[in-house]
All heavy atoms as atom14 arrays in JSON, in Angstrom:
{
  "sequence": "PIEKLPPGPVPGDPFSFRIGTLNILGSQHKSGGTSRASA",
  "atom14_mask": [
    [1, 1, 1, 1, 1, 1, 1, 0, 0, 0, 0, 0, 0, 0],
    [1, 1, 1, 1, 1, 1, 1, 1, 0, 0, 0, 0, 0, 0],
    [1, 1, 1, 1, 1, 1, 1, 1, 1, 0, 0, 0, 0, 0],
    [1, 1, 1, 1, 1, 1, 1, 1, 1, 0, 0, 0, 0, 0],
    [1, 1, 1, 1, 1, 1, 1, 1, 0, 0, 0, 0, 0, 0],
    [1, 1, 1, 1, 1, 1, 1, 0, 0, 0, 0, 0, 0, 0],
    [1, 1, 1, 1, 1, 1, 1, 0, 0, 0, 0, 0, 0, 0],
    [1, 1, 1, 1, 0, 0, 0, 0, 0, 0, 0, 0, 0, 0],
    [1, 1, 1, 1, 1, 1, 1, 0, 0, 0, 0, 0, 0, 0],
    [1, 1, 1, 1, 1, 1, 1, 0, 0, 0, 0, 0, 0, 0],
    [1, 1, 1, 1, 1, 1, 1, 0, 0, 0, 0, 0, 0, 0],
    [1, 1, 1, 1, 0, 0, 0, 0, 0, 0, 0, 0, 0, 0],
    [1, 1, 1, 1, 1, 1, 1, 1, 0, 0, 0, 0, 0, 0],
    [1, 1, 1, 1, 1, 1, 1, 0, 0, 0, 0, 0, 0, 0],
    [1, 1, 1, 1, 1, 1, 1, 1, 1, 1, 1, 0, 0, 0],
    [1, 1, 1, 1, 1, 1, 0, 0, 0, 0, 0, 0, 0, 0],
    [1, 1, 1, 1, 1, 1, 1, 1, 1, 1, 1, 0, 0, 0],
    [1, 1, 1, 1, 1, 1, 1, 1, 1, 1, 1, 0, 0, 0],
    [1, 1, 1, 1, 1, 1, 1, 1, 0, 0, 0, 0, 0, 0],
    [1, 1, 1, 1, 0, 0, 0, 0, 0, 0, 0, 0, 0, 0],
    [1, 1, 1, 1, 1, 1, 1, 0, 0, 0, 0, 0, 0, 0],
    [1, 1, 1, 1, 1, 1, 1, 1, 0, 0, 0, 0, 0, 0],
    [1, 1, 1, 1, 1, 1, 1, 1, 0, 0, 0, 0, 0, 0],
    [1, 1, 1, 1, 1, 1, 1, 1, 0, 0, 0, 0, 0, 0],
    [1, 1, 1, 1, 1, 1, 1, 1, 0, 0, 0, 0, 0, 0],
    [1, 1, 1, 1, 0, 0, 0, 0, 0, 0, 0, 0, 0, 0],
    [1, 1, 1, 1, 1, 1, 0, 0, 0, 0, 0, 0, 0, 0],
    [1, 1, 1, 1, 1, 1, 1, 1, 1, 0, 0, 0, 0, 0],
    [1, 1, 1, 1, 1, 1, 1, 1, 1, 1, 0, 0, 0, 0],
    [1, 1, 1, 1, 1, 1, 1, 1, 1, 0, 0, 0, 0, 0],
    [1, 1, 1, 1, 1, 1, 0, 0, 0, 0, 0, 0, 0, 0],
    [1, 1, 1, 1, 0, 0, 0, 0, 0, 0, 0, 0, 0, 0],
    [1, 1, 1, 1, 0, 0, 0, 0, 0, 0, 0, 0, 0, 0],
    [1, 1, 1, 1, 1, 1, 1, 0, 0, 0, 0, 0, 0, 0],
    [1, 1, 1, 1, 1, 1, 0, 0, 0, 0, 0, 0, 0, 0],
    [1, 1, 1, 1, 1, 1, 1, 1, 1, 1, 1, 0, 0, 0],
    [1, 1, 1, 1, 1, 0, 0, 0, 0, 0, 0, 0, 0, 0],
    [1, 1, 1, 1, 1, 1, 0, 0, 0, 0, 0, 0, 0, 0],
    [1, 1, 1, 1, 1, 0, 0, 0, 0, 0, 0, 0, 0, 0]
  ],
  "atom14_positions": [
    [[0.85, -1.24, 0.0], [-0.03, 0.0, -0.01], [0.89, 1.27, -0.01], [1.91, 1.24, 0.59], [-0.76, -0.11, 1.33], [0.0, -1.05, 2.15], [0.72, -2.01, 1.23], [0.0, 0.0, 0.0], [0.0, 0.0, 0.0], [0.0, 0.0, 0.0], [0.0, 0.0, 0.0], [0.0, 0.0, 0.0], [0.0, 0.0, 0.0], [0.0, 0.0, 0.0]],
    [[0.39, 2.32, -0.71], [1.19, 3.55, -0.77], [1.03, 4.32, 0.55], [-0.08, 4.51, 1.04], [0.62, 4.43, -1.92], [0.79, 3.7, -3.26], [1.31, 5.76, -1.92], [0.2, 4.44, -4.41], [0.0, 0.0, 0.0], [0.0, 0.0, 0.0], [0.0, 0.0, 0.0], [0.0, 0.0, 0.0], [0.0, 0.0, 0.0], [0.0, 0.0, 0.0]],
    [[2.2, 4.66, 1.12], [2.15, 5.36, 2.39], [1.79, 6.83, 2.15], [2.32, 7.51, 1.36], [3.56, 5.32, 3.0], [3.61, 6.02, 4.42], [4.98, 5.89, 5.02], [5.83, 5.22, 4.46], [5.16, 6.52, 6.12], [0.0, 0.0, 0.0], [0.0, 0.0, 0.0], [0.0, 0.0, 0.0], [0.0, 0.0, 0.0], [0.0, 0.0, 0.0]],
    [[0.77, 7.28, 2.91], [0.37, 8.65, 2.76], [1.31, 9.61, 3.45], [1.82, 9.4, 4.54], [-1.08, 8.83, 3.44], [-2.17, 8.07, 2.74], [-3.5, 8.34, 3.46], [-3.92, 9.81, 3.3], [-5.29, 10.06, 3.87], [0.0, 0.0, 0.0], [0.0, 0.0, 0.0], [0.0, 0.0, 0.0], [0.0, 0.0, 0.0], [0.0, 0.0, 0.0]],
    [[1.66, 10.66, 2.7], [2.59, 11.66, 3.23], [1.89, 12.59, 4.16], [0.69, 12.86, 4.01], [3.25, 12.44, 2.07], [4.07, 11.67, 1.08], [4.52, 12.56, -0.1], [5.28, 11.06, 1.73], [0.0, 0.0, 0.0], [0.0, 0.0, 0.0], [0.0, 0.0, 0.0], [0.0, 0.0, 0.0], [0.0, 0.0, 0.0], [0.0, 0.0, 0.0]],
    [[2.58, 13.04, 5.2], [1.88, 13.96, 6.12], [1.59, 15.26, 5.4], [2.28, 15.68, 4.47], [2.97, 14.22, 7.18], [4.29, 13.87, 6.5], [3.96, 12.77, 5.58], [0.0, 0.0, 0.0], [0.0, 0.0, 0.0], [0.0, 0.0, 0.0], [0.0, 0.0, 0.0], [0.0, 0.0, 0.0], [0.0, 0.0, 0.0], [0.0, 0.0, 0.0]],
    [[0.45, 15.88, 5.75], [0.09, 17.14, 5.07], [1.04, 18.26, 5.3], [1.69, 18.33, 6.39], [-1.34, 17.45, 5.7], [-1.29, 16.79, 7.02], [-0.44, 15.51, 6.82], [0.0, 0.0, 0.0], [0.0, 0.0, 0.0], [0.0, 0.0, 0.0], [0.0, 0.0, 0.0], [0.0, 0.0, 0.0], [0.0, 0.0, 0.0], [0.0, 0.0, 0.0]],
    [[1.24, 19.11, 4.35], [2.09, 20.3, 4.48], [1.42, 21.42, 5.22], [0.29, 21.27, 5.67], [0.0, 0.0, 0.0], [0.0, 0.0, 0.0], [0.0, 0.0, 0.0], [0.0, 0.0, 0.0], [0.0, 0.0, 0.0], [0.0, 0.0, 0.0], [0.0, 0.0, 0.0], [0.0, 0.0, 0.0], [0.0, 0.0, 0.0], [0.0, 0.0, 0.0]],
    [[2.09, 22.59, 5.37], [1.46, 23.71, 6.02], [0.21, 24.17, 5.28], [0.11, 24.03, 4.01], [2.54, 24.79, 5.96], [3.79, 24.05, 5.75], [3.47, 22.87, 4.93], [0.0, 0.0, 0.0], [0.0, 0.0, 0.0], [0.0, 0.0, 0.0], [0.0, 0.0, 0.0], [0.0, 0.0, 0.0], [0.0, 0.0, 0.0], [0.0, 0.0, 0.0]],
    [[-0.77, 24.62, 6.03], [-1.99, 25.12, 5.46], [-2.28, 26.52, 6.0], [-1.69, 26.9, 6.97], [-3.22, 24.2, 5.79], [-2.97, 22.79, 5.19], [-3.38, 24.07, 7.33], [0.0, 0.0, 0.0], [0.0, 0.0, 0.0], [0.0, 0.0, 0.0], [0.0, 0.0, 0.0], [0.0, 0.0, 0.0], [0.0, 0.0, 0.0], [0.0, 0.0, 0.0]],
    [[-3.16, 27.27, 5.3], [-3.49, 28.58, 5.8], [-3.88, 28.64, 7.3], [-4.72, 27.82, 7.69], [-4.61, 29.05, 4.86], [-4.3, 28.32, 3.61], [-3.79, 27.02, 4.0], [0.0, 0.0, 0.0], [0.0, 0.0, 0.0], [0.0, 0.0, 0.0], [0.0, 0.0, 0.0], [0.0, 0.0, 0.0], [0.0, 0.0, 0.0], [0.0, 0.0, 0.0]],
    [[-3.29, 29.56, 7.97], [-3.61, 29.59, 9.44], [-2.56, 28.99, 10.39], [-2.54, 29.23, 11.59], [0.0, 0.0, 0.0], [0.0, 0.0, 0.0], [0.0, 0.0, 0.0], [0.0, 0.0, 0.0], [0.0, 0.0, 0.0], [0.0, 0.0, 0.0], [0.0, 0.0, 0.0], [0.0, 0.0, 0.0], [0.0, 0.0, 0.0], [0.0, 0.0, 0.0]],
    [[-1.69, 28.12, 9.77], [-0.61, 27.45, 10.64], [0.39, 28.47, 11.0], [0.67, 29.44, 10.33], [0.03, 26.34, 9.84], [-0.76, 25.07, 9.77], [-1.8, 24.99, 10.45], [-0.28, 24.12, 9.11], [0.0, 0.0, 0.0], [0.0, 0.0, 0.0], [0.0, 0.0, 0.0], [0.0, 0.0, 0.0], [0.0, 0.0, 0.0], [0.0, 0.0, 0.0]],
    [[1.02, 28.32, 12.2], [2.11, 29.13, 12.56], [3.31, 28.93, 11.55], [3.41, 27.85, 10.94], [2.48, 28.66, 13.99], [1.29, 27.97, 14.49], [0.63, 27.4, 13.27], [0.0, 0.0, 0.0], [0.0, 0.0, 0.0], [0.0, 0.0, 0.0], [0.0, 0.0, 0.0], [0.0, 0.0, 0.0], [0.0, 0.0, 0.0], [0.0, 0.0, 0.0]],
    [[4.17, 29.86, 11.43], [5.33, 29.71, 10.58], [6.5, 30.41, 11.22], [6.32, 31.25, 12.08], [5.08, 30.27, 9.19], [4.77, 31.73, 9.1], [5.76, 32.68, 8.86], [3.44, 32.17, 9.26], [5.45, 34.03, 8.86], [3.14, 33.51, 9.2], [4.12, 34.44, 8.93], [0.0, 0.0, 0.0], [0.0, 0.0, 0.0], [0.0, 0.0, 0.0]],
    [[7.72, 30.01, 10.82], [8.95, 30.5, 11.46], [9.96, 30.98, 10.39], [9.86, 30.57, 9.23], [9.59, 29.44, 12.22], [8.76, 28.93, 13.31], [0.0, 0.0, 0.0], [0.0, 0.0, 0.0], [0.0, 0.0, 0.0], [0.0, 0.0, 0.0], [0.0, 0.0, 0.0], [0.0, 0.0, 0.0], [0.0, 0.0, 0.0], [0.0, 0.0, 0.0]],
    [[10.75, 31.89, 10.83], [11.85, 32.44, 9.93], [12.92, 33.04, 10.87], [12.68, 33.2, 12.05], [11.36, 33.37, 8.92], [10.61, 34.56, 9.4], [11.22, 35.75, 9.76], [9.22, 34.53, 9.57], [10.55, 36.82, 10.27], [8.47, 35.63, 10.02], [9.14, 36.77, 10.45], [0.0, 0.0, 0.0], [0.0, 0.0, 0.0], [0.0, 0.0, 0.0]],
    [[14.01, 33.47, 10.25], [15.05, 34.16, 10.97], [15.11, 35.61, 10.46], [15.18, 35.84, 9.27], [16.4, 33.46, 10.71], [17.56, 34.09, 11.56], [18.72, 33.07, 11.55], [18.37, 31.9, 12.32], [19.17, 30.83, 12.45], [20.3, 30.81, 11.78], [18.8, 29.79, 13.15], [0.0, 0.0, 0.0], [0.0, 0.0, 0.0], [0.0, 0.0, 0.0]],
    [[15.15, 36.58, 11.38], [15.08, 37.96, 11.08], [16.29, 38.65, 11.68], [16.82, 38.24, 12.74], [13.78, 38.62, 11.58], [13.65, 40.05, 11.08], [13.65, 38.55, 13.08], [12.23, 40.63, 11.35], [0.0, 0.0, 0.0], [0.0, 0.0, 0.0], [0.0, 0.0, 0.0], [0.0, 0.0, 0.0], [0.0, 0.0, 0.0], [0.0, 0.0, 0.0]],
    [[16.83, 39.7, 10.97], [18.0, 40.37, 11.47], [18.04, 41.82, 11.12], [17.21, 42.42, 10.38], [0.0, 0.0, 0.0], [0.0, 0.0, 0.0], [0.0, 0.0, 0.0], [0.0, 0.0, 0.0], [0.0, 0.0, 0.0], [0.0, 0.0, 0.0], [0.0, 0.0, 0.0], [0.0, 0.0, 0.0], [0.0, 0.0, 0.0], [0.0, 0.0, 0.0]],
    [[19.02, 42.6, 11.74], [19.19, 43.96, 11.47], [20.74, 44.19, 11.36], [21.51, 43.61, 12.17], [18.56, 44.93, 12.46], [18.82, 46.21, 12.1], [19.14, 44.63, 13.89], [0.0, 0.0, 0.0], [0.0, 0.0, 0.0], [0.0, 0.0, 0.0], [0.0, 0.0, 0.0], [0.0, 0.0, 0.0], [0.0, 0.0, 0.0], [0.0, 0.0, 0.0]],
    [[21.19, 44.98, 10.39], [22.61, 45.17, 10.14], [22.94, 46.49, 9.55], [22.49, 46.81, 8.46], [23.14, 44.0, 9.21], [24.58, 44.0, 8.82], [25.47, 43.92, 10.03], [24.86, 42.9, 7.84], [0.0, 0.0, 0.0], [0.0, 0.0, 0.0], [0.0, 0.0, 0.0], [0.0, 0.0, 0.0], [0.0, 0.0, 0.0], [0.0, 0.0, 0.0]],
    [[23.69, 47.32, 10.24], [24.21, 48.51, 9.74], [25.55, 48.15, 9.0], [26.55, 47.74, 9.64], [24.54, 49.54, 10.87], [25.0, 50.88, 10.36], [25.76, 51.02, 9.44], [24.51, 51.92, 11.02], [0.0, 0.0, 0.0], [0.0, 0.0, 0.0], [0.0, 0.0, 0.0], [0.0, 0.0, 0.0], [0.0, 0.0, 0.0], [0.0, 0.0, 0.0]],
    [[25.59, 48.35, 7.73], [26.71, 47.81, 6.91], [27.89, 48.78, 6.85], [28.93, 48.48, 6.24], [26.24, 47.41, 5.51], [25.91, 48.62, 4.67], [25.11, 46.48, 5.55], [25.77, 48.33, 3.21], [0.0, 0.0, 0.0], [0.0, 0.0, 0.0], [0.0, 0.0, 0.0], [0.0, 0.0, 0.0], [0.0, 0.0, 0.0], [0.0, 0.0, 0.0]],
    [[27.77, 49.95, 7.49], [28.87, 50.97, 7.46], [29.13, 51.47, 6.02], [29.74, 50.87, 5.23], [30.15, 50.44, 8.1], [31.27, 51.48, 8.26], [30.84, 52.59, 9.15], [32.5, 50.82, 8.77], [0.0, 0.0, 0.0], [0.0, 0.0, 0.0], [0.0, 0.0, 0.0], [0.0, 0.0, 0.0], [0.0, 0.0, 0.0], [0.0, 0.0, 0.0]],
    [[28.48, 52.64, 5.77], [28.47, 53.17, 4.41], [29.88, 53.44, 3.85], [30.88, 53.65, 4.59], [0.0, 0.0, 0.0], [0.0, 0.0, 0.0], [0.0, 0.0, 0.0], [0.0, 0.0, 0.0], [0.0, 0.0, 0.0], [0.0, 0.0, 0.0], [0.0, 0.0, 0.0], [0.0, 0.0, 0.0], [0.0, 0.0, 0.0], [0.0, 0.0, 0.0]],
    [[29.93, 53.37, 2.5], [31.22, 53.64, 1.8], [31.83, 54.99, 2.14], [33.07, 55.15, 2.1], [31.02, 53.55, 0.28], [30.5, 52.28, -0.05], [0.0, 0.0, 0.0], [0.0, 0.0, 0.0], [0.0, 0.0, 0.0], [0.0, 0.0, 0.0], [0.0, 0.0, 0.0], [0.0, 0.0, 0.0], [0.0, 0.0, 0.0], [0.0, 0.0, 0.0]],
    [[31.03, 56.0, 2.58], [31.55, 57.32, 2.89], [32.22, 57.32, 4.22], [32.98, 58.23, 4.5], [30.43, 58.35, 2.83], [29.54, 58.41, 4.09], [28.38, 57.37, 4.07], [28.53, 56.33, 3.39], [27.32, 57.67, 4.69], [0.0, 0.0, 0.0], [0.0, 0.0, 0.0], [0.0, 0.0, 0.0], [0.0, 0.0, 0.0], [0.0, 0.0, 0.0]],
    [[32.03, 56.27, 5.02], [32.65, 56.26, 6.37], [33.95, 55.45, 6.41], [34.78, 55.67, 7.26], [31.65, 55.67, 7.35], [30.45, 56.48, 7.6], [30.5, 57.8, 7.92], [29.11, 56.1, 7.51], [29.23, 58.26, 8.09], [28.41, 57.28, 7.84], [0.0, 0.0, 0.0], [0.0, 0.0, 0.0], [0.0, 0.0, 0.0], [0.0, 0.0, 0.0]],
    [[34.07, 54.51, 5.49], [35.26, 53.62, 5.47], [35.48, 53.04, 4.16], [34.52, 52.74, 3.39], [35.03, 52.47, 6.54], [36.26, 51.53, 6.63], [35.97, 50.42, 7.64], [37.16, 49.52, 7.78], [36.9, 48.42, 8.76], [0.0, 0.0, 0.0], [0.0, 0.0, 0.0], [0.0, 0.0, 0.0], [0.0, 0.0, 0.0], [0.0, 0.0, 0.0]],
    [[36.72, 53.0, 3.73], [37.12, 52.43, 2.42], [36.66, 50.98, 2.23], [36.39, 50.3, 3.14], [38.58, 52.6, 2.12], [39.33, 51.83, 3.03], [0.0, 0.0, 0.0], [0.0, 0.0, 0.0], [0.0, 0.0, 0.0], [0.0, 0.0, 0.0], [0.0, 0.0, 0.0], [0.0, 0.0, 0.0], [0.0, 0.0, 0.0], [0.0, 0.0, 0.0]],
    [[36.75, 50.59, 0.99], [36.4, 49.16, 0.68], [34.91, 48.88, 0.88], [34.54, 47.75, 1.25], [0.0, 0.0, 0.0], [0.0, 0.0, 0.0], [0.0, 0.0, 0.0], [0.0, 0.0, 0.0], [0.0, 0.0, 0.0], [0.0, 0.0, 0.0], [0.0, 0.0, 0.0], [0.0, 0.0, 0.0], [0.0, 0.0, 0.0], [0.0, 0.0, 0.0]],
    [[34.1, 49.87, 0.56], [32.65, 49.68, 0.81], [32.03, 48.55, 0.01], [31.16, 47.79, 0.55], [0.0, 0.0, 0.0], [0.0, 0.0, 0.0], [0.0, 0.0, 0.0], [0.0, 0.0, 0.0], [0.0, 0.0, 0.0], [0.0, 0.0, 0.0], [0.0, 0.0, 0.0], [0.0, 0.0, 0.0], [0.0, 0.0, 0.0], [0.0, 0.0, 0.0]],
    [[32.36, 48.38, -1.23], [31.79, 47.24, -2.05], [32.28, 45.88, -1.63], [31.45, 44.97, -1.55], [32.12, 47.52, -3.57], [33.52, 47.61, -3.72], [31.48, 48.82, -4.02], [0.0, 0.0, 0.0], [0.0, 0.0, 0.0], [0.0, 0.0, 0.0], [0.0, 0.0, 0.0], [0.0, 0.0, 0.0], [0.0, 0.0, 0.0], [0.0, 0.0, 0.0]],
    [[33.58, 45.79, -1.31], [34.04, 44.49, -0.88], [33.47, 44.13, 0.52], [33.11, 42.97, 0.75], [35.61, 44.41, -0.8], [36.07, 45.41, 0.14], [0.0, 0.0, 0.0], [0.0, 0.0, 0.0], [0.0, 0.0, 0.0], [0.0, 0.0, 0.0], [0.0, 0.0, 0.0], [0.0, 0.0, 0.0], [0.0, 0.0, 0.0], [0.0, 0.0, 0.0]],
    [[33.29, 45.12, 1.33], [32.6, 44.88, 2.66], [31.14, 44.5, 2.47], [30.71, 43.62, 3.21], [32.73, 46.09, 3.59], [34.19, 46.35, 4.03], [34.32, 47.5, 5.04], [34.01, 48.79, 4.48], [32.84, 49.43, 4.64], [31.91, 48.91, 5.33], [32.69, 50.68, 4.15], [0.0, 0.0, 0.0], [0.0, 0.0, 0.0], [0.0, 0.0, 0.0]],
    [[30.5, 45.17, 1.54], [29.09, 44.8, 1.31], [29.01, 43.36, 0.76], [28.03, 42.62, 1.13], [28.49, 45.79, 0.27], [0.0, 0.0, 0.0], [0.0, 0.0, 0.0], [0.0, 0.0, 0.0], [0.0, 0.0, 0.0], [0.0, 0.0, 0.0], [0.0, 0.0, 0.0], [0.0, 0.0, 0.0], [0.0, 0.0, 0.0], [0.0, 0.0, 0.0]],
    [[29.95, 42.96, -0.07], [29.91, 41.58, -0.61], [30.11, 40.55, 0.51], [29.4, 39.54, 0.59], [31.04, 41.46, -1.67], [31.09, 40.1, -2.14], [0.0, 0.0, 0.0], [0.0, 0.0, 0.0], [0.0, 0.0, 0.0], [0.0, 0.0, 0.0], [0.0, 0.0, 0.0], [0.0, 0.0, 0.0], [0.0, 0.0, 0.0], [0.0, 0.0, 0.0]],
    [[31.09, 40.88, 1.42], [31.3, 40.01, 2.58], [30.07, 39.89, 3.42], [29.72, 38.82, 3.94], [32.51, 40.47, 3.34], [0.0, 0.0, 0.0], [0.0, 0.0, 0.0], [0.0, 0.0, 0.0], [0.0, 0.0, 0.0], [0.0, 0.0, 0.0], [0.0, 0.0, 0.0], [0.0, 0.0, 0.0], [0.0, 0.0, 0.0], [0.0, 0.0, 0.0]]
  ]
}
């Protein structure tokens, strides 16, 4: 018999993610602004 897969998320379910905040230090304040932004 084919095993039924558990149902996925549906509208109304709780959901999770990772959130952040980052001041990247603008190019006018320190050299290497683009390479720092890439990093």
